[in-house]
């Protein structure tokens, strides 16, 4: 009788250990599956964000090709690296057809040629060029001939983004502004 009880107790303990080990394996597999699901979800979100950014990039390039766009500036950098944060509604480069406008207002204490502390060039756009490099970055160049001044503008858009940088080079001095 003692042997039967001992054997029965041994079998119960052995089975419990086996079940416990199986539970741990199942738990590990569930954690691994959950981790892989999170990784796949993160990759899907990243792919969706990249696709949305690429659509915006293509829309920007299309606007440049159609010569119908406005580039608003939130920061202006001067020739020697100084920069100021500016209002986007008074600092922009726009183009519609062959007509282009460059307006810069630095919000400083001095009154500039346009009455807002900066310059405004409003006139006809000439020498318009659009180039795409090997990496897919787009460069748009034009000259704007105004009444009193003229300037060259270079706009660069990095592939896959809707962010760009514009550089204004006035023809009457070397005060480049980006």
Protein backbone atom coordinates (compact mmCIF):
# COMPACT_ATOMS: atom_id res chain seq x y z
CA UNK A 1 0.00 0.00 0.00
CA UNK A 2 2.82 2.36 0.83
CA UNK A 3 4.42 1.61 -2.50
CA UNK A 4 1.24 2.37 -4.38
CA UNK A 5 0.80 5.69 -2.53
CA UNK A 6 4.44 6.57 -3.08
CA UNK A 7 4.16 5.73 -6.80
CA UNK A 8 0.93 7.72 -7.08
CA UNK A 9 2.48 10.72 -5.34
CA UNK A 10 5.54 10.51 -7.57
CA UNK A 11 3.41 10.42 -10.71
CA UNK A 12 1.38 13.44 -9.57
CA UNK A 13 4.47 15.50 -8.84
CA UNK A 14 6.13 14.49 -12.12
CA UNK A 15 3.00 15.39 -14.10
CA UNK A 16 2.72 18.77 -12.31
CA UNK A 17 6.31 19.63 -13.17
CA UNK A 18 5.73 18.71 -16.80
CA UNK A 19 2.55 20.80 -16.96
CA UNK A 20 4.39 23.72 -15.30
CA UNK A 21 7.21 23.49 -17.88
CA UNK A 22 4.68 23.39 -20.72
CA UNK A 23 2.92 26.46 -19.29
CA UNK A 24 6.23 28.37 -19.30
CA UNK A 25 6.88 27.42 -22.93
CA UNK A 26 3.38 28.50 -23.93
CA UNK A 27 3.87 31.79 -22.07
CA UNK A 28 7.22 32.41 -23.82
CA UNK A 29 5.66 31.69 -27.21
CA UNK A 30 2.78 34.09 -26.47
CA UNK A 31 5.21 36.87 -25.43
CA UNK A 32 7.27 36.29 -28.57
CA UNK A 33 4.15 36.45 -30.77
CA UNK A 34 3.02 39.64 -29.01
CA UNK A 35 6.46 41.21 -29.53
CA UNK A 36 6.41 40.31 -33.24
CA UNK A 37 2.90 41.75 -33.60
CA UNK A 38 4.04 45.04 -32.04
CA UNK A 39 7.05 45.10 -34.38
CA UNK A 40 4.81 44.50 -37.41
CA UNK A 41 2.37 47.22 -36.26
CA UNK A 42 5.24 49.70 -35.83
CA UNK A 43 6.58 48.87 -39.32
CA UNK A 44 3.10 49.35 -40.81
CA UNK A 45 2.72 52.76 -39.12
CA UNK A 46 6.17 53.79 -40.37
CA UNK A 47 5.34 52.69 -43.93
CA UNK A 48 2.04 54.61 -43.83
CA UNK A 49 3.80 57.76 -42.58
CA UNK A 50 6.45 57.46 -45.31
CA UNK A 51 3.75 57.00 -47.96
CA UNK A 52 1.94 60.12 -46.72
CA UNK A 53 5.18 62.13 -46.75
CA UNK A 54 5.97 60.89 -50.27
CA UNK A 55 2.50 61.95 -51.46
CA UNK A 56 3.12 65.44 -50.05
CA UNK A 57 6.53 65.54 -51.75
CA UNK A 58 4.99 64.62 -55.10
CA UNK A 59 2.31 67.28 -54.59
CA UNK A 60 5.04 69.89 -53.91
CA UNK A 61 6.97 68.90 -57.03
CA UNK A 62 3.77 69.05 -59.12
CA UNK A 63 3.09 72.58 -57.80
CA UNK A 64 6.64 73.62 -58.76
CA UNK A 65 6.22 72.17 -62.25
CA UNK A 66 2.87 73.98 -62.64
CA UNK A 67 4.45 77.20 -61.36
CA UNK A 68 1.69 77.65 -58.78
CA UNK A 69 3.04 77.58 -55.22
CA UNK A 70 3.80 79.51 -52.02
CA UNK A 71 6.81 78.76 -49.82
CA UNK A 72 6.32 80.19 -46.32
CA UNK A 73 9.31 80.88 -44.08
CA UNK A 74 9.27 80.37 -40.33
CA UNK A 75 12.98 81.12 -39.91
CA UNK A 76 15.32 83.39 -41.89
CA UNK A 77 19.08 82.83 -41.92
CA UNK A 78 21.39 85.64 -42.98
CA UNK A 79 24.71 85.53 -44.84
CA UNK A 80 26.94 85.01 -41.79
CA UNK A 81 24.81 82.40 -40.03
CA UNK A 82 22.64 84.61 -37.81
CA UNK A 83 18.97 83.72 -37.91
CA UNK A 84 15.65 85.06 -36.68
CA UNK A 85 12.28 83.38 -36.28
CA UNK A 86 9.73 85.19 -38.43
CA UNK A 87 6.03 85.26 -39.20
CA UNK A 88 5.12 82.99 -42.13
CA UNK A 89 2.38 85.33 -43.38
CA UNK A 90 4.89 88.13 -44.07
CA UNK A 91 7.87 86.00 -45.19
CA UNK A 92 7.26 83.99 -48.32
CA UNK A 93 8.12 83.24 -51.93
CA UNK A 94 5.15 82.76 -54.24
CA UNK A 95 4.71 82.05 -57.91
CA UNK A 96 1.66 81.89 -60.16
CA UNK A 97 2.40 81.42 -63.83
CA UNK A 98 5.17 83.85 -64.79
CA UNK A 99 4.46 86.22 -61.88
CA UNK A 100 6.54 85.80 -58.70
CA UNK A 101 6.67 87.60 -55.36
CA UNK A 102 9.39 87.49 -52.72
CA UNK A 103 8.58 89.18 -49.44
CA UNK A 104 10.88 89.24 -46.43
CA UNK A 105 10.05 91.12 -43.23
CA UNK A 106 12.50 90.60 -40.38
CA UNK A 107 10.36 92.21 -37.64
CA UNK A 108 13.32 94.32 -36.57
CA UNK A 109 13.35 97.86 -35.24
CA UNK A 110 14.35 99.35 -38.60
CA UNK A 111 11.93 99.99 -41.43
CA UNK A 112 13.05 98.36 -44.65
CA UNK A 113 12.24 99.10 -48.25
CA UNK A 114 8.83 97.43 -47.89
CA UNK A 115 7.83 99.20 -44.65
CA UNK A 116 8.07 95.99 -42.60
CA UNK A 117 11.82 95.76 -41.99
CA UNK A 118 12.70 93.84 -45.13
CA UNK A 119 12.30 93.75 -48.89
CA UNK A 120 9.61 92.86 -51.40
CA UNK A 121 10.33 91.90 -55.00
CA UNK A 122 7.24 91.58 -57.16
CA UNK A 123 7.64 90.92 -60.86
CA UNK A 124 8.17 88.54 -63.71
CA UNK A 125 9.96 85.21 -63.21
CA UNK A 126 12.59 84.25 -65.79
CA UNK A 127 15.24 81.55 -66.21
CA UNK A 128 13.06 78.96 -64.47
CA UNK A 129 14.80 75.59 -64.06
CA UNK A 130 13.79 72.40 -62.26
CA UNK A 131 16.46 69.77 -61.61
CA UNK A 132 16.33 66.40 -59.87
CA UNK A 133 19.57 64.85 -58.58
CA UNK A 134 20.48 61.15 -58.31
CA UNK A 135 18.95 60.87 -54.83
CA UNK A 136 15.62 62.35 -55.96
CA UNK A 137 16.05 65.78 -54.33
CA UNK A 138 14.46 68.59 -56.36
CA UNK A 139 16.02 72.02 -56.99
CA UNK A 140 13.92 74.86 -58.43
CA UNK A 141 15.71 78.02 -59.64
CA UNK A 142 14.35 81.28 -61.00
CA UNK A 143 15.15 84.97 -61.39
CA UNK A 144 12.56 87.56 -60.36
CA UNK A 145 12.79 90.94 -62.08
CA UNK A 146 11.05 93.64 -60.04
CA UNK A 147 10.66 97.39 -60.48
CA UNK A 148 13.58 98.47 -58.29
CA UNK A 149 15.41 95.22 -57.54
CA UNK A 150 15.85 91.71 -58.89
CA UNK A 151 16.86 88.51 -57.17
CA UNK A 152 17.68 84.89 -57.86
CA UNK A 153 15.83 82.23 -55.88
CA UNK A 154 16.85 78.62 -55.31
CA UNK A 155 14.34 76.30 -53.64
CA UNK A 156 15.45 72.81 -52.56
CA UNK A 157 13.08 70.00 -51.54
CA UNK A 158 14.53 66.84 -50.01
CA UNK A 159 13.04 63.64 -51.40
CA UNK A 160 10.19 62.24 -49.35
CA UNK A 161 9.38 65.44 -47.40
CA UNK A 162 7.25 68.52 -47.86
CA UNK A 163 9.87 70.70 -46.15
CA UNK A 164 12.10 72.90 -48.26
CA UNK A 165 14.71 75.63 -48.05
CA UNK A 166 14.74 78.76 -50.18
CA UNK A 167 17.77 80.96 -50.79
CA UNK A 168 17.34 84.51 -52.07
CA UNK A 169 20.37 86.14 -53.75
CA UNK A 170 19.70 89.81 -54.56
CA UNK A 171 21.51 91.10 -57.66
CA UNK A 172 22.30 94.52 -56.20
CA UNK A 173 24.34 93.27 -53.20
CA UNK A 174 25.72 90.06 -51.67
CA UNK A 175 23.24 89.86 -48.76
CA UNK A 176 22.13 86.28 -49.32
CA UNK A 177 19.14 85.21 -47.22
CA UNK A 178 17.90 81.65 -46.67
